[in-house]
Amino acid sequence: MRYHLSAVAVLSVLAVSAHAAAPTDLFPTADLAGWEFVTTPATALASVCTRRPDGVVTAAGKPVGFIATTASYENYRLHAEWRWTGQPGNSGVLIHISSGPRDRAWPLCFQVQTKNGNVGDFLPMAGATFAEKLSTPPDAKTAILNHTAPDSEKPAGEWNTCDVTCRGDTVEVTINGVLQNRVTRAAPQAGRIGFQFEGVPFELRNVTLVRLD
């Protein structure tokens, strides 16, 4: 009897763990419910983003601004795949969006750089902070922590993967399976999730989130 109860308990724990690890699709519907486009002047989300029947989200890349979830998250693992549809350009994955825009068009947040040639760089934006020393000088217009491993970006036109793990005040960034950045004592530690528009079209797919708490 004791063995039977232990087995049941183990199975219950495994079932709960499996349920907790289920990823959430952040673009589950064609109407892009749960997202907004932040730019000035105000522009309708539907005019710059479309979700195709195959689940791929096409992003116009302009006007300058960002799309963002309406919900906030903390302690999670974000997975996103992107590719350039033409000439590669500049964009980024935004995490912990807390307020703004505050600095030009950008909010208080962190950016995982997806700019061609700089993928995996980590940027504290509009007052965000972390413990690690920046790669740029203190008076630089744009603060950057360079990626640490050799470039792991795929050729233009191919799908890239970005995995961002946020646990407490620590953030880790993996690009195409290669750990490219890690910061500690990050502030803020929670917020909305978004993608930056910097003028060049791109596509997204398989944008999912797994809660870690």
Protein backbone atom coordinates (compact mmCIF):
# COMPACT_ATOMS: atom_id res chain seq x y z
CA MET A 1 0.00 0.00 0.00
CA ARG A 2 2.81 2.42 0.86
CA TYR A 3 4.45 1.78 -2.52
CA HIS A 4 1.13 2.32 -4.30
CA LEU A 5 0.60 5.70 -2.65
CA SER A 6 4.16 6.78 -3.50
CA ALA A 7 3.66 5.87 -7.14
CA VAL A 8 0.42 7.85 -7.26
CA ALA A 9 2.13 10.83 -5.67
CA VAL A 10 4.98 10.70 -8.19
CA LEU A 11 2.56 10.51 -11.10
CA SER A 12 0.65 13.48 -9.71
CA VAL A 13 3.83 15.55 -9.48
CA LEU A 14 4.81 14.63 -13.02
CA ALA A 15 1.37 15.56 -14.30
CA VAL A 16 1.51 18.96 -12.59
CA SER A 17 5.04 19.57 -13.92
CA ALA A 18 4.02 18.66 -17.44
CA HIS A 19 1.05 21.00 -17.22
CA ALA A 20 3.18 23.85 -15.84
CA ALA A 21 5.69 23.46 -18.68
CA ALA A 22 3.10 23.77 -21.46
CA PRO A 23 3.99 26.71 -23.73
CA THR A 24 1.52 29.52 -24.41
CA ASP A 25 1.19 30.74 -27.99
CA LEU A 26 1.44 34.54 -27.88
CA PHE A 27 -0.11 34.90 -31.36
CA PRO A 28 -2.99 32.40 -31.12
CA THR A 29 -5.57 34.19 -33.27
CA ALA A 30 -5.77 35.92 -36.63
CA ASP A 31 -7.02 39.17 -35.09
CA LEU A 32 -3.80 39.49 -33.02
CA ALA A 33 -5.78 39.74 -29.79
CA GLY A 34 -3.61 40.61 -26.81
CA TRP A 35 -1.25 42.86 -28.81
CA GLU A 36 -1.03 46.57 -29.57
CA PHE A 37 1.15 48.79 -31.74
CA VAL A 38 2.84 51.71 -29.99
CA THR A 39 3.92 54.57 -32.23
CA THR A 40 3.32 58.29 -32.79
CA PRO A 41 0.96 59.19 -34.32
CA ALA A 42 -1.24 56.25 -33.31
CA THR A 43 -1.47 53.54 -35.97
CA ALA A 44 -3.77 50.52 -36.09
CA LEU A 45 -2.06 47.21 -35.40
CA ALA A 46 -3.86 45.55 -38.32
CA SER A 47 -2.21 47.98 -40.73
CA VAL A 48 1.31 46.83 -39.83
CA CYS A 49 0.88 43.17 -38.81
CA THR A 50 -0.95 40.18 -40.28
CA ARG A 51 -1.16 36.60 -39.03
CA ARG A 52 -1.34 34.14 -41.92
CA PRO A 53 -3.22 30.81 -41.70
CA ASP A 54 0.13 29.00 -41.25
CA GLY A 55 0.75 31.02 -38.06
CA VAL A 56 3.45 33.27 -39.50
CA VAL A 57 3.12 36.92 -38.49
CA THR A 58 4.23 39.41 -41.14
CA ALA A 59 5.50 42.70 -39.72
CA ALA A 60 5.83 45.78 -41.91
CA GLY A 61 8.71 47.10 -39.80
CA LYS A 62 7.42 50.66 -40.03
CA PRO A 63 6.51 53.20 -38.88
CA VAL A 64 9.12 53.26 -36.12
CA GLY A 65 7.67 51.88 -32.90
CA PHE A 66 6.96 48.50 -31.35
CA ILE A 67 4.26 45.89 -31.00
CA ALA A 68 3.68 44.71 -27.44
CA THR A 69 1.56 42.30 -25.46
CA THR A 70 -1.15 43.87 -23.37
CA ALA A 71 -0.30 41.44 -20.54
CA SER A 72 2.82 41.56 -18.37
CA TYR A 73 5.00 38.58 -17.47
CA GLU A 74 7.75 37.60 -15.05
CA ASN A 75 9.78 34.41 -14.54
CA TYR A 76 9.38 32.87 -17.97
CA ARG A 77 11.13 31.43 -20.99
CA LEU A 78 10.31 33.18 -24.26
CA HIS A 79 10.87 31.49 -27.61
CA ALA A 80 10.59 33.40 -30.88
CA GLU A 81 11.65 32.75 -34.46
CA TRP A 82 12.26 35.51 -36.99
CA ARG A 83 13.62 36.06 -40.46
CA TRP A 84 14.14 38.95 -42.84
CA THR A 85 11.90 38.84 -45.90
CA GLY A 86 14.21 40.99 -48.00
CA GLN A 87 17.28 43.05 -47.21
CA PRO A 88 18.24 42.33 -43.58
CA GLY A 89 17.95 45.25 -41.21
CA ASN A 90 17.39 46.28 -37.61
CA SER A 91 14.90 45.08 -35.00
CA GLY A 92 14.84 43.58 -31.53
CA VAL A 93 12.93 41.53 -29.01
CA LEU A 94 11.77 43.72 -26.13
CA ILE A 95 11.27 42.27 -22.64
CA HIS A 96 10.14 43.74 -19.31
CA ILE A 97 8.43 46.69 -21.02
CA SER A 98 7.39 48.77 -18.02
CA SER A 99 6.53 52.26 -19.21
CA GLY A 100 6.95 54.66 -22.07
CA PRO A 101 7.89 55.52 -24.68
CA ARG A 102 10.38 57.50 -22.61
CA ASP A 103 13.55 57.67 -24.77
CA ARG A 104 12.71 58.80 -28.31
CA ALA A 105 10.33 56.02 -29.46
CA TRP A 106 11.40 53.42 -26.90
CA PRO A 107 10.03 52.36 -23.51
CA LEU A 108 11.73 51.38 -20.26
CA CYS A 109 12.71 47.78 -21.08
CA PHE A 110 15.52 45.52 -22.26
CA GLN A 111 16.20 44.77 -25.91
CA VAL A 112 17.64 41.55 -27.30
CA GLN A 113 19.18 42.80 -30.50
CA THR A 114 18.16 41.07 -33.75
CA LYS A 115 19.90 43.66 -35.92
CA ASN A 116 21.76 41.97 -38.73
CA GLY A 117 25.39 41.53 -37.65
CA ASN A 118 24.70 42.24 -33.97
CA VAL A 119 22.26 39.51 -33.00
CA GLY A 120 22.40 38.66 -29.29
CA ASP A 121 23.59 42.05 -28.07
CA PHE A 122 21.67 43.18 -24.97
CA LEU A 123 20.50 46.77 -24.49
CA PRO A 124 19.16 48.49 -21.35
CA MET A 125 16.67 51.03 -22.68
CA ALA A 126 15.26 54.27 -21.24
CA GLY A 127 16.70 53.72 -17.75
CA ALA A 128 16.74 49.93 -17.38
CA THR A 129 19.82 48.60 -15.56
CA PHE A 130 21.85 45.46 -14.86
CA ALA A 131 25.07 44.63 -13.02
CA GLU A 132 27.40 43.78 -15.90
CA LYS A 133 29.75 46.39 -17.39
CA LEU A 134 28.58 47.78 -20.71
CA SER A 135 30.60 47.29 -23.90
CA THR A 136 29.96 50.92 -24.86
CA PRO A 137 31.44 53.97 -23.11
CA PRO A 138 29.35 55.71 -20.42
CA ASP A 139 28.49 58.64 -22.71
CA ALA A 140 27.39 56.50 -25.65
CA LYS A 141 24.03 57.42 -27.20
CA THR A 142 23.00 53.75 -27.15
CA ALA A 143 24.11 51.52 -24.27
CA ILE A 144 25.04 47.99 -25.40
CA LEU A 145 26.37 44.79 -23.85
CA ASN A 146 27.88 42.89 -26.76
CA HIS A 147 27.09 39.21 -27.31
CA THR A 148 29.76 36.95 -25.83
CA ALA A 149 30.05 33.99 -28.23
CA PRO A 150 30.96 34.01 -31.93
CA ASP A 151 28.16 35.18 -34.20
CA SER A 152 25.40 32.55 -34.42
CA GLU A 153 23.02 34.42 -36.74
CA LYS A 154 21.86 32.50 -39.81
CA PRO A 155 22.13 33.84 -43.37
CA ALA A 156 19.52 36.39 -44.43
CA GLY A 157 16.23 34.76 -45.37
CA GLU A 158 16.64 31.79 -43.03
CA TRP A 159 14.71 31.39 -39.78
CA ASN A 160 16.57 32.30 -36.56
CA THR A 161 15.57 31.29 -33.04
CA CYS A 162 15.78 33.46 -29.94
CA ASP A 163 15.26 32.01 -26.47
CA VAL A 164 15.17 34.39 -23.51
CA THR A 165 15.04 32.97 -19.98
CA CYS A 166 13.99 35.44 -17.27
CA ARG A 167 14.24 34.16 -13.71
CA GLY A 168 14.18 36.73 -10.93
CA ASP A 169 16.77 39.38 -11.75
CA THR A 170 18.72 37.18 -14.19
CA VAL A 171 18.23 37.14 -17.97
CA GLU A 172 19.89 34.70 -20.38
CA VAL A 173 19.80 35.03 -24.18
CA THR A 174 20.34 32.11 -26.55
CA ILE A 175 20.46 32.59 -30.32
CA ASN A 176 20.13 29.51 -32.54
CA GLY A 177 21.14 27.30 -29.62
CA VAL A 178 24.19 29.39 -28.62
CA LEU A 179 24.24 31.26 -25.28
CA GLN A 180 25.08 34.83 -26.30
CA ASN A 181 24.37 36.92 -23.22
CA ARG A 182 23.62 36.76 -19.51
CA VAL A 183 22.89 39.63 -17.14
CA THR A 184 22.18 39.78 -13.42
CA ARG A 185 20.52 42.27 -11.07
CA ALA A 186 18.29 43.33 -13.93
CA ALA A 187 15.72 46.05 -13.22
CA PRO A 188 12.89 45.95 -14.09
CA GLN A 189 12.26 42.24 -13.56
CA ALA A 190 8.84 42.02 -15.21
CA GLY A 191 6.73 43.66 -17.89
CA ARG A 192 5.27 43.28 -21.33
CA ILE A 193 6.92 41.57 -24.30
CA GLY A 194 7.36 43.17 -27.71
CA PHE A 195 9.11 43.43 -31.05
CA GLN A 196 10.77 46.56 -32.37
CA PHE A 197 9.96 48.24 -35.70
CA GLU A 198 12.98 50.02 -37.18
CA GLY A 199 11.99 50.36 -40.83
CA VAL A 200 12.59 46.90 -42.35
CA PRO A 201 9.97 44.14 -42.85
CA PHE A 202 10.38 40.80 -41.07
CA GLU A 203 8.40 37.71 -40.15
CA LEU A 204 7.74 35.96 -36.84
CA ARG A 205 6.58 32.47 -35.99
CA ASN A 206 6.35 30.11 -33.00
CA VAL A 207 6.32 32.94 -30.45
CA THR A 208 5.65 31.07 -27.23
CA LEU A 209 6.08 31.57 -23.50
CA VAL A 210 6.56 29.06 -20.68
CA ARG A 211 6.05 30.30 -17.13
CA LEU A 212 8.80 29.27 -14.69
CA ASP A 213 7.15 30.19 -11.40
